[in-house]
């Protein structure tokens, strides 16, 4: 498996704090069946992790893992918080694409709202040949309350990534149910760990994919797994036409 969202680089955000932590996470990833991780440190007002710094850290960690005979490949990525300056930050190299391939980019929304300029950012990135991937939309309170906002972003070309822990209920039943509805409505295209450590924010990727297979079938599981492979290869991912989340009584909100 390939994990496209993980905080395994040591000492640069709220993920692994030491090289030893990174090695422990790497070994846990291998136990999950993960062979490749895209390292995606935060880049926001709290953590300033520029593209060049991330590239250097990835090289260093791969060297350490090779020396420790840990058979895991780390690729460069980033988890930038969406701002009105995101496009100019990309042009200056502050914002980094996944794997450095200039085809896909993670975007993190605030936890409780969707900025008014989000559609514009999605559009402008696509003009530059970059497909934005909105990470963990299932944990955004505004999207939970108004899922049509996410439908519109996906309809307009954005992709999304749901967190494994959300699917298995570690963030609560409401987020778990919303995650399932996103899969059911073709409003998500990847499952990733968003792992920060091996304790309270661990990988859970294998369990999440098993749950997806149980609930939605093996073809849905394989499509979600293969999409991560397509990112690494710089190819187009598998996309089914998105549908609005059904306006049935959902989480007591509709």
C-alpha atoms as a PDB file:
ATOM      1  CA  UNK A   1       0.000   0.000   0.000  1.00  0.00           C
ATOM      2  CA  UNK A   2       0.931   3.640  -0.460  1.00  0.00           C
ATOM      3  CA  UNK A   3       0.138   6.241   2.174  1.00  0.00           C
ATOM      4  CA  UNK A   4      -0.233   9.728   0.671  1.00  0.00           C
ATOM      5  CA  UNK A   5      -0.605  11.647   3.950  1.00  0.00           C
ATOM      6  CA  UNK A   6       1.695  11.093   6.920  1.00  0.00           C
ATOM      7  CA  UNK A   7       3.647  13.198   9.431  1.00  0.00           C
ATOM      8  CA  UNK A   8       6.722  10.993   9.615  1.00  0.00           C
ATOM      9  CA  UNK A   9       9.475  13.589   9.146  1.00  0.00           C
ATOM     10  CA  UNK A  10      11.113  14.235  12.521  1.00  0.00           C
ATOM     11  CA  UNK A  11      10.994  17.462  14.488  1.00  0.00           C
ATOM     12  CA  UNK A  12       9.202  19.788  12.088  1.00  0.00           C
ATOM     13  CA  UNK A  13       5.522  19.650  13.109  1.00  0.00           C
ATOM     14  CA  UNK A  14       3.231  17.817  15.522  1.00  0.00           C
ATOM     15  CA  UNK A  15       4.131  14.421  14.071  1.00  0.00           C
ATOM     16  CA  UNK A  16       7.325  12.471  14.763  1.00  0.00           C
ATOM     17  CA  UNK A  17       9.492  14.461  17.163  1.00  0.00           C
ATOM     18  CA  UNK A  18      12.753  12.542  16.843  1.00  0.00           C
ATOM     19  CA  UNK A  19      14.475  10.314  14.308  1.00  0.00           C
ATOM     20  CA  UNK A  20      13.738   7.419  16.634  1.00  0.00           C
ATOM     21  CA  UNK A  21      10.037   8.291  16.410  1.00  0.00           C
ATOM     22  CA  UNK A  22      10.283   8.277  12.617  1.00  0.00           C
ATOM     23  CA  UNK A  23      11.935   4.857  12.619  1.00  0.00           C
ATOM     24  CA  UNK A  24       9.236   3.514  14.941  1.00  0.00           C
ATOM     25  CA  UNK A  25       6.548   4.900  12.642  1.00  0.00           C
ATOM     26  CA  UNK A  26       8.284   3.416   9.609  1.00  0.00           C
ATOM     27  CA  UNK A  27       8.321  -0.035  11.170  1.00  0.00           C
ATOM     28  CA  UNK A  28       4.659   0.296  12.123  1.00  0.00           C
ATOM     29  CA  UNK A  29       3.871   1.283   8.542  1.00  0.00           C
ATOM     30  CA  UNK A  30       5.588  -1.830   7.223  1.00  0.00           C
ATOM     31  CA  UNK A  31       3.509  -3.931   9.631  1.00  0.00           C
ATOM     32  CA  UNK A  32       0.429  -2.343   8.012  1.00  0.00           C
ATOM     33  CA  UNK A  33       1.604  -3.419   4.561  1.00  0.00           C
ATOM     34  CA  UNK A  34       2.700   0.081   3.537  1.00  0.00           C
ATOM     35  CA  UNK A  35       5.666   0.246   1.170  1.00  0.00           C
ATOM     36  CA  UNK A  36       5.755   3.970   0.339  1.00  0.00           C
ATOM     37  CA  UNK A  37       4.839   7.072   2.322  1.00  0.00           C
ATOM     38  CA  UNK A  38       4.440  10.602   1.034  1.00  0.00           C
ATOM     39  CA  UNK A  39       5.653  12.761   3.918  1.00  0.00           C
ATOM     40  CA  UNK A  40       3.260  15.670   4.345  1.00  0.00           C
ATOM     41  CA  UNK A  41       4.328  18.026   7.150  1.00  0.00           C
ATOM     42  CA  UNK A  42       2.042  20.897   8.020  1.00  0.00           C
ATOM     43  CA  UNK A  43       2.660  24.300   6.459  1.00  0.00           C
ATOM     44  CA  UNK A  44       0.579  26.929   8.200  1.00  0.00           C
ATOM     45  CA  UNK A  45       0.798  29.764  10.705  1.00  0.00           C
ATOM     46  CA  UNK A  46       2.148  27.388  13.356  1.00  0.00           C
ATOM     47  CA  UNK A  47       4.608  25.362  11.266  1.00  0.00           C
ATOM     48  CA  UNK A  48       6.670  26.927   8.490  1.00  0.00           C
ATOM     49  CA  UNK A  49       7.883  23.992   6.398  1.00  0.00           C
ATOM     50  CA  UNK A  50       9.060  25.158   2.990  1.00  0.00           C
ATOM     51  CA  UNK A  51       9.477  22.916  -0.033  1.00  0.00           C
ATOM     52  CA  UNK A  52      13.289  22.924   0.010  1.00  0.00           C
ATOM     53  CA  UNK A  53      13.395  22.015   3.719  1.00  0.00           C
ATOM     54  CA  UNK A  54      11.046  19.096   3.156  1.00  0.00           C
ATOM     55  CA  UNK A  55      13.148  17.760   0.286  1.00  0.00           C
ATOM     56  CA  UNK A  56      16.267  17.798   2.474  1.00  0.00           C
ATOM     57  CA  UNK A  57      14.451  16.087   5.356  1.00  0.00           C
ATOM     58  CA  UNK A  58      13.140  13.359   3.046  1.00  0.00           C
ATOM     59  CA  UNK A  59      16.643  12.585   1.763  1.00  0.00           C
ATOM     60  CA  UNK A  60      17.944  12.427   5.331  1.00  0.00           C
ATOM     61  CA  UNK A  61      15.175  10.119   6.533  1.00  0.00           C
ATOM     62  CA  UNK A  62      15.550   7.772   3.563  1.00  0.00           C
ATOM     63  CA  UNK A  63      19.269   7.533   4.366  1.00  0.00           C
ATOM     64  CA  UNK A  64      18.485   6.678   7.994  1.00  0.00           C
ATOM     65  CA  UNK A  65      15.911   4.041   7.036  1.00  0.00           C
ATOM     66  CA  UNK A  66      18.308   2.496   4.538  1.00  0.00           C
ATOM     67  CA  UNK A  67      21.043   2.377   7.180  1.00  0.00           C
ATOM     68  CA  UNK A  68      18.593   0.756   9.637  1.00  0.00           C
ATOM     69  CA  UNK A  69      17.515  -1.721   6.933  1.00  0.00           C
ATOM     70  CA  UNK A  70      13.921  -0.515   7.147  1.00  0.00           C
ATOM     71  CA  UNK A  71      12.392  -1.260   3.746  1.00  0.00           C
ATOM     72  CA  UNK A  72      10.198   1.806   3.343  1.00  0.00           C
ATOM     73  CA  UNK A  73      10.420   4.606   0.775  1.00  0.00           C
ATOM     74  CA  UNK A  74       9.673   8.205   1.766  1.00  0.00           C
ATOM     75  CA  UNK A  75       8.609  10.711  -0.897  1.00  0.00           C
ATOM     76  CA  UNK A  76       8.223  14.488  -0.483  1.00  0.00           C
ATOM     77  CA  UNK A  77       4.899  16.197   0.044  1.00  0.00           C
ATOM     78  CA  UNK A  78       3.305  18.875   2.177  1.00  0.00           C
ATOM     79  CA  UNK A  79       0.038  19.755   3.906  1.00  0.00           C
ATOM     80  CA  UNK A  80      -0.421  23.482   3.262  1.00  0.00           C
ATOM     81  CA  UNK A  81      -3.323  25.322   4.856  1.00  0.00           C
ATOM     82  CA  UNK A  82      -5.366  27.108   2.212  1.00  0.00           C
ATOM     83  CA  UNK A  83      -4.884  30.884   2.178  1.00  0.00           C
ATOM     84  CA  UNK A  84      -5.466  33.642  -0.330  1.00  0.00           C
ATOM     85  CA  UNK A  85      -1.700  33.648  -0.955  1.00  0.00           C
ATOM     86  CA  UNK A  86      -1.419  29.940  -1.777  1.00  0.00           C
ATOM     87  CA  UNK A  87      -0.857  30.468  -5.505  1.00  0.00           C
ATOM     88  CA  UNK A  88       1.921  33.016  -5.016  1.00  0.00           C
ATOM     89  CA  UNK A  89       3.466  30.765  -2.359  1.00  0.00           C
ATOM     90  CA  UNK A  90       3.515  27.952  -4.886  1.00  0.00           C
ATOM     91  CA  UNK A  91       5.236  30.140  -7.460  1.00  0.00           C
ATOM     92  CA  UNK A  92       8.012  31.016  -4.992  1.00  0.00           C
ATOM     93  CA  UNK A  93       8.543  27.384  -3.979  1.00  0.00           C
ATOM     94  CA  UNK A  94       7.123  27.782  -0.496  1.00  0.00           C
ATOM     95  CA  UNK A  95       4.260  25.411  -1.337  1.00  0.00           C
ATOM     96  CA  UNK A  96       5.233  21.974  -2.595  1.00  0.00           C
ATOM     97  CA  UNK A  97       3.390  19.415  -4.733  1.00  0.00           C
ATOM     98  CA  UNK A  98       3.149  15.734  -3.856  1.00  0.00           C
ATOM     99  CA  UNK A  99       6.267  13.792  -4.887  1.00  0.00           C
ATOM    100  CA  UNK A 100       7.546  16.962  -6.578  1.00  0.00           C
ATOM    101  CA  UNK A 101       5.706  15.921  -9.724  1.00  0.00           C
ATOM    102  CA  UNK A 102       3.725  19.175 -10.197  1.00  0.00           C
ATOM    103  CA  UNK A 103       0.499  17.234 -10.760  1.00  0.00           C
ATOM    104  CA  UNK A 104      -1.146  16.908  -7.331  1.00  0.00           C
ATOM    105  CA  UNK A 105      -1.192  19.134  -4.251  1.00  0.00           C
ATOM    106  CA  UNK A 106      -2.701  18.652  -0.821  1.00  0.00           C
ATOM    107  CA  UNK A 107      -4.839  21.465   0.566  1.00  0.00           C
ATOM    108  CA  UNK A 108      -6.008  21.672   4.164  1.00  0.00           C
ATOM    109  CA  UNK A 109      -9.155  23.620   4.957  1.00  0.00           C
ATOM    110  CA  UNK A 110      -9.745  25.193   8.364  1.00  0.00           C
ATOM    111  CA  UNK A 111     -11.552  22.838  10.731  1.00  0.00           C
ATOM    112  CA  UNK A 112     -14.773  24.839  11.028  1.00  0.00           C
ATOM    113  CA  UNK A 113     -15.361  26.711   7.767  1.00  0.00           C
ATOM    114  CA  UNK A 114     -14.651  26.834   4.023  1.00  0.00           C
ATOM    115  CA  UNK A 115     -13.002  30.096   2.887  1.00  0.00           C
ATOM    116  CA  UNK A 116     -14.926  31.999   0.239  1.00  0.00           C
ATOM    117  CA  UNK A 117     -11.930  31.906  -2.121  1.00  0.00           C
ATOM    118  CA  UNK A 118     -11.647  28.085  -2.073  1.00  0.00           C
ATOM    119  CA  UNK A 119     -13.374  27.621  -5.441  1.00  0.00           C
ATOM    120  CA  UNK A 120     -11.094  30.197  -7.011  1.00  0.00           C
ATOM    121  CA  UNK A 121      -7.981  28.461  -5.651  1.00  0.00           C
ATOM    122  CA  UNK A 122      -9.201  25.113  -7.000  1.00  0.00           C
ATOM    123  CA  UNK A 123      -9.785  26.674 -10.415  1.00  0.00           C
ATOM    124  CA  UNK A 124      -6.468  28.521 -10.575  1.00  0.00           C
ATOM    125  CA  UNK A 125      -4.462  25.467  -9.551  1.00  0.00           C
ATOM    126  CA  UNK A 126      -6.037  23.450 -12.350  1.00  0.00           C
ATOM    127  CA  UNK A 127      -5.072  26.153 -14.837  1.00  0.00           C
ATOM    128  CA  UNK A 128      -1.493  25.456 -13.764  1.00  0.00           C
ATOM    129  CA  UNK A 129      -1.988  21.732 -14.361  1.00  0.00           C
ATOM    130  CA  UNK A 130      -2.232  20.882 -10.658  1.00  0.00           C
ATOM    131  CA  UNK A 131      -5.098  18.892  -9.180  1.00  0.00           C
ATOM    132  CA  UNK A 132      -5.823  19.914  -5.589  1.00  0.00           C
ATOM    133  CA  UNK A 133      -6.574  17.197  -3.038  1.00  0.00           C
ATOM    134  CA  UNK A 134      -8.625  18.424  -0.084  1.00  0.00           C
ATOM    135  CA  UNK A 135      -7.444  16.479   2.951  1.00  0.00           C
ATOM    136  CA  UNK A 136      -9.759  15.125   5.667  1.00  0.00           C
ATOM    137  CA  UNK A 137     -12.930  16.984   4.538  1.00  0.00           C
ATOM    138  CA  UNK A 138     -14.921  14.656   6.809  1.00  0.00           C
ATOM    139  CA  UNK A 139     -13.534  16.544   9.815  1.00  0.00           C
ATOM    140  CA  UNK A 140     -14.591  19.993   8.598  1.00  0.00           C
ATOM    141  CA  UNK A 141     -17.638  21.152  10.548  1.00  0.00           C
ATOM    142  CA  UNK A 142     -18.952  23.380   7.751  1.00  0.00           C
ATOM    143  CA  UNK A 143     -18.802  20.528   5.235  1.00  0.00           C
ATOM    144  CA  UNK A 144     -20.587  18.211   7.655  1.00  0.00           C
ATOM    145  CA  UNK A 145     -23.371  20.773   7.940  1.00  0.00           C
ATOM    146  CA  UNK A 146     -23.398  21.702   4.236  1.00  0.00           C
ATOM    147  CA  UNK A 147     -22.007  18.769   2.204  1.00  0.00           C
ATOM    148  CA  UNK A 148     -23.114  20.425  -1.038  1.00  0.00           C
ATOM    149  CA  UNK A 149     -20.111  22.730  -0.627  1.00  0.00           C
ATOM    150  CA  UNK A 150     -17.826  19.728  -1.004  1.00  0.00           C
ATOM    151  CA  UNK A 151     -19.870  18.361  -3.889  1.00  0.00           C
ATOM    152  CA  UNK A 152     -19.378  21.641  -5.741  1.00  0.00           C
ATOM    153  CA  UNK A 153     -15.609  21.607  -5.171  1.00  0.00           C
ATOM    154  CA  UNK A 154     -15.333  18.009  -6.401  1.00  0.00           C
ATOM    155  CA  UNK A 155     -17.636  18.711  -9.327  1.00  0.00           C
ATOM    156  CA  UNK A 156     -15.305  21.568 -10.255  1.00  0.00           C
ATOM    157  CA  UNK A 157     -12.235  19.335 -10.278  1.00  0.00           C
ATOM    158  CA  UNK A 158     -10.931  18.942  -6.732  1.00  0.00           C
ATOM    159  CA  UNK A 159     -10.174  15.531  -5.275  1.00  0.00           C
ATOM    160  CA  UNK A 160     -10.442  14.594  -1.614  1.00  0.00           C
ATOM    161  CA  UNK A 161      -8.744  12.272   0.882  1.00  0.00           C
ATOM    162  CA  UNK A 162     -10.469  10.736   3.886  1.00  0.00           C
ATOM    163  CA  UNK A 163      -8.514   9.660   6.953  1.00  0.00           C
ATOM    164  CA  UNK A 164      -8.325   5.978   7.881  1.00  0.00           C
ATOM    165  CA  UNK A 165      -9.076   6.713  11.534  1.00  0.00           C
ATOM    166  CA  UNK A 166     -12.284   8.474  10.503  1.00  0.00           C
ATOM    167  CA  UNK A 167     -13.509   5.407   8.645  1.00  0.00           C
ATOM    168  CA  UNK A 168     -13.034   3.093  11.614  1.00  0.00           C
ATOM    169  CA  UNK A 169     -14.680   5.493  14.061  1.00  0.00           C
ATOM    170  CA  UNK A 170     -11.712   6.834  15.996  1.00  0.00           C
ATOM    171  CA  UNK A 171     -12.949  10.410  15.582  1.00  0.00           C
ATOM    172  CA  UNK A 172     -16.491   9.511  16.614  1.00  0.00           C
ATOM    173  CA  UNK A 173     -19.602   8.039  15.030  1.00  0.00           C
ATOM    174  CA  UNK A 174     -20.700  11.246  13.292  1.00  0.00           C
ATOM    175  CA  UNK A 175     -17.435  11.635  11.410  1.00  0.00           C
ATOM    176  CA  UNK A 176     -17.428   7.923  10.634  1.00  0.00           C
ATOM    177  CA  UNK A 177     -20.910   8.152   9.115  1.00  0.00           C
ATOM    178  CA  UNK A 178     -19.995  11.239   7.094  1.00  0.00           C
ATOM    179  CA  UNK A 179     -16.888   9.467   5.787  1.00  0.00           C
ATOM    180  CA  UNK A 180     -19.062   6.602   4.624  1.00  0.00           C
ATOM    181  CA  UNK A 181     -21.431   8.999   2.893  1.00  0.00           C
ATOM    182  CA  UNK A 182     -18.520  10.635   1.066  1.00  0.00           C
ATOM    183  CA  UNK A 183     -17.423   7.248  -0.255  1.00  0.00           C
ATOM    184  CA  UNK A 184     -20.985   6.334  -1.199  1.00  0.00           C
ATOM    185  CA  UNK A 185     -21.422   9.627  -3.100  1.00  0.00           C
ATOM    186  CA  UNK A 186     -18.066   9.407  -4.958  1.00  0.00           C
ATOM    187  CA  UNK A 187     -16.889  12.473  -3.074  1.00  0.00           C
ATOM    188  CA  UNK A 188     -13.580  11.032  -1.966  1.00  0.00           C
ATOM    189  CA  UNK A 189     -10.787   9.437  -3.955  1.00  0.00           C
ATOM    190  CA  UNK A 190      -8.139   8.392  -1.439  1.00  0.00           C
ATOM    191  CA  UNK A 191      -7.792   6.927   2.026  1.00  0.00           C
ATOM    192  CA  UNK A 192      -4.629   7.865   3.885  1.00  0.00           C
ATOM    193  CA  UNK A 193      -3.425   7.527   7.455  1.00  0.00           C
ATOM    194  CA  UNK A 194      -2.629  11.114   8.468  1.00  0.00           C
ATOM    195  CA  UNK A 195      -0.508   9.288  11.057  1.00  0.00           C
ATOM    196  CA  UNK A 196       1.394  11.444  13.542  1.00  0.00           C
ATOM    197  CA  UNK A 197       2.755   8.696  15.802  1.00  0.00           C
ATOM    198  CA  UNK A 198       2.224   5.047  16.739  1.00  0.00           C
ATOM    199  CA  UNK A 199      -0.122   5.670  19.676  1.00  0.00           C
ATOM    200  CA  UNK A 200      -3.133   8.004  19.495  1.00  0.00           C
ATOM    201  CA  UNK A 201      -2.622   9.010  15.832  1.00  0.00           C
ATOM    202  CA  UNK A 202      -1.447   5.747  14.266  1.00  0.00           C
ATOM    203  CA  UNK A 203      -1.864   4.381  10.738  1.00  0.00           C
ATOM    204  CA  UNK A 204      -4.965   2.086  10.806  1.00  0.00           C
ATOM    205  CA  UNK A 205      -4.804   1.930   7.012  1.00  0.00           C
ATOM    206  CA  UNK A 206      -5.263  -1.815   6.632  1.00  0.00           C
ATOM    207  CA  UNK A 207      -8.258  -1.833   8.987  1.00  0.00           C
ATOM    208  CA  UNK A 208      -9.834   1.093   7.140  1.00  0.00           C
ATOM    209  CA  UNK A 209      -9.517  -0.608   3.767  1.00  0.00           C
ATOM    210  CA  UNK A 210     -10.985  -3.792   5.218  1.00  0.00           C
ATOM    211  CA  UNK A 211     -13.943  -1.775   6.484  1.00  0.00           C
ATOM    212  CA  UNK A 212     -14.400  -0.166   3.055  1.00  0.00           C
ATOM    213  CA  UNK A 213     -14.363  -3.588   1.415  1.00  0.00           C
ATOM    214  CA  UNK A 214     -16.890  -4.913   3.933  1.00  0.00           C
ATOM    215  CA  UNK A 215     -19.292  -2.021   3.431  1.00  0.00           C
ATOM    216  CA  UNK A 216     -18.793  -1.044  -0.227  1.00  0.00           C
ATOM    217  CA  UNK A 217     -17.156  -4.024  -1.934  1.00  0.00           C
ATOM    218  CA  UNK A 218     -13.718  -5.024  -3.079  1.00  0.00           C
ATOM    219  CA  UNK A 219     -13.761  -2.911  -6.269  1.00  0.00           C
ATOM    220  CA  UNK A 220     -14.193   0.314  -4.258  1.00  0.00           C
ATOM    221  CA  UNK A 221     -11.323  -0.716  -2.011  1.00  0.00           C
ATOM    222  CA  UNK A 222      -9.041  -1.437  -4.956  1.00  0.00           C
ATOM    223  CA  UNK A 223      -9.930   1.822  -6.708  1.00  0.00           C
ATOM    224  CA  UNK A 224      -9.051   3.828  -3.597  1.00  0.00           C
ATOM    225  CA  UNK A 225      -5.792   1.924  -3.150  1.00  0.00           C
ATOM    226  CA  UNK A 226      -4.839   2.225  -6.805  1.00  0.00           C
ATOM    227  CA  UNK A 227      -5.422   5.974  -6.822  1.00  0.00           C
ATOM    228  CA  UNK A 228      -2.556   6.375  -4.364  1.00  0.00           C
ATOM    229  CA  UNK A 229      -0.347   4.444  -6.769  1.00  0.00           C
ATOM    230  CA  UNK A 230      -1.376   6.725  -9.623  1.00  0.00           C
ATOM    231  CA  UNK A 231      -0.222   9.756  -7.627  1.00  0.00           C
ATOM    232  CA  UNK A 232       3.234   8.259  -7.164  1.00  0.00           C
ATOM    233  CA  UNK A 233       3.398   7.454 -10.870  1.00  0.00           C
ATOM    234  CA  UNK A 234       2.142  10.916 -11.830  1.00  0.00           C
ATOM    235  CA  UNK A 235      -0.869   9.481 -13.631  1.00  0.00           C
ATOM    236  CA  UNK A 236      -4.548  10.393 -13.629  1.00  0.00           C
ATOM    237  CA  UNK A 237      -6.608   8.850 -10.853  1.00  0.00           C
ATOM    238  CA  UNK A 238      -9.842   6.888 -11.161  1.00  0.00           C
ATOM    239  CA  UNK A 239     -12.817   9.219 -10.771  1.00  0.00           C
ATOM    240  CA  UNK A 240     -16.511   8.373 -10.704  1.00  0.00           C
ATOM    241  CA  UNK A 241     -19.100  11.127 -11.219  1.00  0.00           C
ATOM    242  CA  UNK A 242     -19.737  12.818  -7.876  1.00  0.00           C
ATOM    243  CA  UNK A 243     -23.205  12.950  -6.407  1.00  0.00           C
ATOM    244  CA  UNK A 244     -24.616  15.247  -3.745  1.00  0.00           C
ATOM    245  CA  UNK A 245     -24.879  13.674  -0.315  1.00  0.00           C
ATOM    246  CA  UNK A 246     -28.478  12.563   0.037  1.00  0.00           C
ATOM    247  CA  UNK A 247     -30.426  15.062   2.105  1.00  0.00           C
ATOM    248  CA  UNK A 248     -31.834  12.439   4.441  1.00  0.00           C
ATOM    249  CA  UNK A 249     -31.742  13.128   8.128  1.00  0.00           C
ATOM    250  CA  UNK A 250     -27.989  13.142   8.700  1.00  0.00           C
ATOM    251  CA  UNK A 251     -26.353  13.578  12.099  1.00  0.00           C
ATOM    252  CA  UNK A 252     -29.525  15.298  13.269  1.00  0.00           C
ATOM    253  CA  UNK A 253     -28.726  18.302  11.074  1.00  0.00           C
ATOM    254  CA  UNK A 254     -31.059  17.922   8.066  1.00  0.00           C
END
